[in-house]
């Protein structure tokens, strides 16, 4: 799996998220400032609500920009079989209960983001997530258990990139 191409695909996904947030901000600003939405009485709060929404969306746009910058600053390093899992690692895990392999990218941002890359679904996790905390410093071949929604799940680290 080409990690440099994956890095670029993640940046594109983050930019797409930013673009959607920016469009939502513009829509909320337009609604808040539209002359047809001028309040006619004290209970007519559409423009006020849209202004609050625009403010929240603007904060989201700012956070998206910070995420993009943080991810771009992440060095692209290939891990050897002896290296521990750390920020920037691409990890393939075998999940015993489902008998399937899952791919995870350990990222400083965008935990929960999923993208399709070279026929695989890559899930972004941060080191602050439950899985990220357990994975930190694990190595190829390590096995561990994780309680997810009250159920114990067994995993094995089968590949590192």
Protein backbone atom coordinates (compact mmCIF):
# COMPACT_ATOMS: atom_id res chain seq x y z
CA UNK A 1 0.00 0.00 0.00
CA UNK A 2 1.47 3.35 -1.05
CA UNK A 3 1.49 5.47 2.10
CA UNK A 4 2.32 8.69 0.24
CA UNK A 5 -0.76 8.28 -1.98
CA UNK A 6 -2.86 7.49 1.11
CA UNK A 7 -1.57 10.66 2.76
CA UNK A 8 -2.69 12.69 -0.28
CA UNK A 9 -6.10 10.96 -0.32
CA UNK A 10 -6.62 11.84 3.36
CA UNK A 11 -5.68 15.47 2.71
CA UNK A 12 -8.20 15.55 -0.15
CA UNK A 13 -10.89 14.10 2.15
CA UNK A 14 -10.09 16.75 4.78
CA UNK A 15 -10.29 19.50 2.15
CA UNK A 16 -13.66 18.12 0.99
CA UNK A 17 -14.94 18.29 4.59
CA UNK A 18 -13.69 21.87 4.82
CA UNK A 19 -15.42 22.81 1.57
CA UNK A 20 -18.76 21.41 2.79
CA UNK A 21 -18.40 23.30 6.08
CA UNK A 22 -17.54 26.49 4.21
CA UNK A 23 -20.62 26.15 1.97
CA UNK A 24 -22.81 25.57 5.04
CA UNK A 25 -21.36 28.71 6.62
CA UNK A 26 -22.18 30.75 3.51
CA UNK A 27 -25.72 29.38 3.45
CA UNK A 28 -26.25 30.27 7.11
CA UNK A 29 -24.85 33.78 6.56
CA UNK A 30 -27.16 34.28 3.58
CA UNK A 31 -30.15 33.15 5.63
CA UNK A 32 -29.19 35.40 8.55
CA UNK A 33 -28.81 38.47 6.37
CA UNK A 34 -31.66 37.91 3.89
CA UNK A 35 -34.08 40.85 3.88
CA UNK A 36 -37.02 38.43 3.82
CA UNK A 37 -35.93 37.12 7.20
CA UNK A 38 -36.07 40.43 9.05
CA UNK A 39 -38.04 39.74 12.23
CA UNK A 40 -41.61 41.03 12.17
CA UNK A 41 -42.19 40.41 15.91
CA UNK A 42 -40.25 39.22 18.93
CA UNK A 43 -41.04 35.54 18.28
CA UNK A 44 -39.72 35.66 14.72
CA UNK A 45 -36.19 34.38 15.35
CA UNK A 46 -35.15 32.80 12.05
CA UNK A 47 -32.42 35.35 11.29
CA UNK A 48 -31.09 35.18 14.86
CA UNK A 49 -30.97 31.39 14.75
CA UNK A 50 -29.22 31.50 11.38
CA UNK A 51 -26.67 33.93 12.80
CA UNK A 52 -25.89 31.52 15.64
CA UNK A 53 -25.62 28.71 13.12
CA UNK A 54 -23.29 30.79 10.93
CA UNK A 55 -21.05 31.45 13.93
CA UNK A 56 -20.88 27.74 14.78
CA UNK A 57 -20.19 26.82 11.17
CA UNK A 58 -17.41 29.43 10.99
CA UNK A 59 -15.80 27.79 14.01
CA UNK A 60 -16.10 24.42 12.27
CA UNK A 61 -14.42 25.84 9.14
CA UNK A 62 -11.57 27.12 11.31
CA UNK A 63 -11.21 23.69 12.95
CA UNK A 64 -11.16 22.05 9.51
CA UNK A 65 -8.31 24.33 8.43
CA UNK A 66 -6.38 23.46 11.59
CA UNK A 67 -6.95 19.75 10.91
CA UNK A 68 -5.64 20.11 7.36
CA UNK A 69 -2.53 21.95 8.56
CA UNK A 70 -1.87 19.41 11.33
CA UNK A 71 -2.23 16.49 8.94
CA UNK A 72 -0.02 18.08 6.29
CA UNK A 73 2.67 18.54 8.96
CA UNK A 74 2.59 14.81 9.78
CA UNK A 75 5.75 13.24 8.35
CA UNK A 76 5.28 10.27 6.03
CA UNK A 77 7.38 7.47 7.47
CA UNK A 78 7.40 3.79 6.62
CA UNK A 79 7.51 1.49 9.62
CA UNK A 80 9.62 -1.63 9.79
CA UNK A 81 8.37 -4.86 11.34
CA UNK A 82 10.16 -4.01 14.60
CA UNK A 83 8.81 -0.46 14.99
CA UNK A 84 6.12 0.32 17.55
CA UNK A 85 2.82 1.83 16.44
CA UNK A 86 2.81 5.60 16.72
CA UNK A 87 1.38 8.70 15.04
CA UNK A 88 1.35 8.26 11.26
CA UNK A 89 1.22 4.47 11.33
CA UNK A 90 -0.99 2.55 8.93
CA UNK A 91 -2.06 -0.60 10.76
CA UNK A 92 -3.83 -3.73 9.61
CA UNK A 93 -5.61 -5.58 12.40
CA UNK A 94 -7.17 -9.02 12.35
CA UNK A 95 -10.42 -9.07 14.34
CA UNK A 96 -10.98 -12.56 15.74
CA UNK A 97 -14.75 -12.34 16.33
CA UNK A 98 -15.57 -11.33 12.76
CA UNK A 99 -12.65 -13.13 11.10
CA UNK A 100 -11.83 -10.06 9.00
CA UNK A 101 -8.95 -7.64 8.68
CA UNK A 102 -9.45 -3.93 9.25
CA UNK A 103 -7.19 -1.01 8.36
CA UNK A 104 -6.52 1.99 10.62
CA UNK A 105 -4.45 5.13 10.16
CA UNK A 106 -3.18 6.68 13.40
CA UNK A 107 -3.70 10.40 12.88
CA UNK A 108 -3.38 13.57 14.95
CA UNK A 109 -6.84 14.66 13.67
CA UNK A 110 -10.03 13.46 12.00
CA UNK A 111 -10.71 10.47 14.21
CA UNK A 112 -13.71 8.60 12.84
CA UNK A 113 -13.16 9.61 9.22
CA UNK A 114 -13.38 6.62 6.87
CA UNK A 115 -12.22 6.53 3.29
CA UNK A 116 -11.86 3.94 0.58
CA UNK A 117 -8.30 3.56 -0.68
CA UNK A 118 -6.95 0.90 -3.02
CA UNK A 119 -9.95 -1.32 -2.35
CA UNK A 120 -9.70 -1.06 1.44
CA UNK A 121 -11.69 0.96 3.95
CA UNK A 122 -9.24 2.99 6.02
CA UNK A 123 -10.51 4.21 9.39
CA UNK A 124 -8.81 7.22 10.94
CA UNK A 125 -8.14 7.00 14.67
CA UNK A 126 -6.33 9.26 17.10
CA UNK A 127 -4.11 8.19 19.96
CA UNK A 128 -6.78 9.58 22.33
CA UNK A 129 -9.41 7.09 21.12
CA UNK A 130 -9.87 3.81 23.02
CA UNK A 131 -8.35 1.81 20.15
CA UNK A 132 -5.55 4.35 19.70
CA UNK A 133 -4.61 4.15 23.38
CA UNK A 134 -4.39 0.36 23.19
CA UNK A 135 -2.50 0.35 19.87
CA UNK A 136 0.16 2.84 20.95
CA UNK A 137 3.54 1.09 21.10
CA UNK A 138 2.14 -2.29 20.00
CA UNK A 139 4.23 -4.12 17.42
CA UNK A 140 3.67 -6.51 14.54
CA UNK A 141 2.27 -9.80 15.87
CA UNK A 142 1.01 -8.33 19.16
CA UNK A 143 -2.43 -9.45 20.30
CA UNK A 144 -4.79 -7.51 22.54
CA UNK A 145 -8.39 -7.30 23.65
CA UNK A 146 -10.63 -4.25 23.63
CA UNK A 147 -14.04 -3.83 25.20
CA UNK A 148 -16.40 -2.31 22.63
CA UNK A 149 -19.98 -1.65 23.71
CA UNK A 150 -19.69 -4.17 26.52
CA UNK A 151 -18.23 -6.90 24.32
CA UNK A 152 -14.64 -8.09 24.39
CA UNK A 153 -13.03 -8.09 20.97
CA UNK A 154 -9.71 -9.75 20.23
CA UNK A 155 -7.26 -8.25 17.74
CA UNK A 156 -3.86 -9.04 16.28
CA UNK A 157 -1.53 -6.59 14.55
CA UNK A 158 -0.88 -8.27 11.19
CA UNK A 159 0.75 -5.46 9.18
CA UNK A 160 2.42 -2.07 9.71
CA UNK A 161 3.23 0.57 7.13
